[in-house]
Amino acid sequence: MKRYKCKKSIHLNQGEKKLSKLNRIRRKLVSKLIFAEQGKNEESIMEYLKKIAKIDKNRFRMAKNISLNLGGVYEYPD
């Protein structure tokens, strides 16, 4: 039986963990949105778009805070 070594783990700080979690939730919502668009379900499409917009707002705020803590300059995307 072969044993495989794990890759070296990178310890994330609290903000990066939350950002990673939001990214996972957003990816799931985007895939649900695609299925809702194929089924032409208008109510769920609007619901998913609102949730994605709310998550994006939080992601940009958290990314700004993380980059400022690292001494970087953050610019909002156009």
Protein backbone atom coordinates (compact mmCIF):
# COMPACT_ATOMS: atom_id res chain seq x y z
CA MET A 1 0.00 0.00 0.00
CA LYS A 2 1.43 3.35 -1.08
CA ARG A 3 1.43 6.31 1.21
CA TYR A 4 1.17 9.78 -0.16
CA LYS A 5 2.50 12.81 1.59
CA CYS A 6 0.18 15.74 1.94
CA LYS A 7 1.15 19.02 0.42
CA LYS A 8 2.50 21.53 2.84
CA SER A 9 -0.47 23.28 4.40
CA ILE A 10 -0.67 27.02 4.32
CA HIS A 11 -2.05 28.57 7.46
CA LEU A 12 -4.62 31.20 6.61
CA ASN A 13 -5.56 34.02 8.90
CA GLN A 14 -9.17 34.51 9.95
CA GLY A 15 -10.03 36.95 7.15
CA GLU A 16 -8.63 34.67 4.45
CA LYS A 17 -10.63 31.73 5.83
CA LYS A 18 -13.85 33.74 5.67
CA LEU A 19 -13.00 34.92 2.17
CA SER A 20 -12.36 31.35 1.06
CA LYS A 21 -15.69 30.25 2.51
CA LEU A 22 -17.52 33.07 0.71
CA ASN A 23 -15.86 32.06 -2.57
CA ARG A 24 -17.10 28.48 -2.16
CA ILE A 25 -20.64 29.64 -1.40
CA ARG A 26 -20.55 31.99 -4.41
CA ARG A 27 -19.42 29.23 -6.78
CA LYS A 28 -22.32 27.03 -5.63
CA LEU A 29 -24.79 29.87 -6.14
CA VAL A 30 -23.46 30.55 -9.64
CA SER A 31 -23.94 26.90 -10.61
CA LYS A 32 -27.50 26.99 -9.20
CA LEU A 33 -28.10 30.20 -11.15
CA ILE A 34 -27.05 28.50 -14.39
CA PHE A 35 -29.53 25.67 -13.81
CA ALA A 36 -32.28 28.19 -12.96
CA GLU A 37 -31.59 30.06 -16.22
CA GLN A 38 -31.91 26.83 -18.18
CA GLY A 39 -35.24 26.11 -16.46
CA LYS A 40 -36.41 29.70 -17.04
CA ASN A 41 -37.36 30.13 -13.37
CA GLU A 42 -37.47 33.93 -12.96
CA GLU A 43 -38.09 34.00 -9.19
CA SER A 44 -35.11 31.86 -8.30
CA ILE A 45 -32.90 33.70 -10.81
CA MET A 46 -33.56 37.01 -9.04
CA GLU A 47 -33.06 35.39 -5.63
CA TYR A 48 -29.68 33.94 -6.63
CA LEU A 49 -28.56 37.23 -8.22
CA LYS A 50 -29.37 39.14 -5.02
CA LYS A 51 -27.44 36.63 -2.91
CA ILE A 52 -24.45 36.73 -5.27
CA ALA A 53 -24.43 40.55 -5.21
CA LYS A 54 -24.48 40.55 -1.41
CA ILE A 55 -21.61 38.04 -1.27
CA ASP A 56 -19.60 40.07 -3.82
CA LYS A 57 -20.00 43.19 -1.71
CA ASN A 58 -18.66 41.35 1.34
CA ARG A 59 -15.83 39.76 -0.67
CA PHE A 60 -14.59 43.12 -1.96
CA ARG A 61 -14.73 44.62 1.54
CA MET A 62 -12.81 41.68 3.03
CA ALA A 63 -10.24 41.65 0.22
CA LYS A 64 -9.66 45.37 0.78
CA ASN A 65 -9.09 44.82 4.51
CA ILE A 66 -6.72 41.90 3.92
CA SER A 67 -4.63 43.80 1.38
CA LEU A 68 -4.45 46.89 3.59
CA ASN A 69 -3.25 44.76 6.50
CA LEU A 70 -0.47 43.42 4.29
CA GLY A 71 0.57 46.96 3.35
CA GLY A 72 -0.79 46.81 -0.18
CA VAL A 73 -2.79 49.38 -2.07
CA TYR A 74 -6.25 48.22 -3.03
CA GLU A 75 -8.12 49.54 -6.05
CA TYR A 76 -11.77 48.82 -6.69
CA PRO A 77 -12.43 46.96 -9.93
CA ASP A 78 -14.24 48.88 -12.66
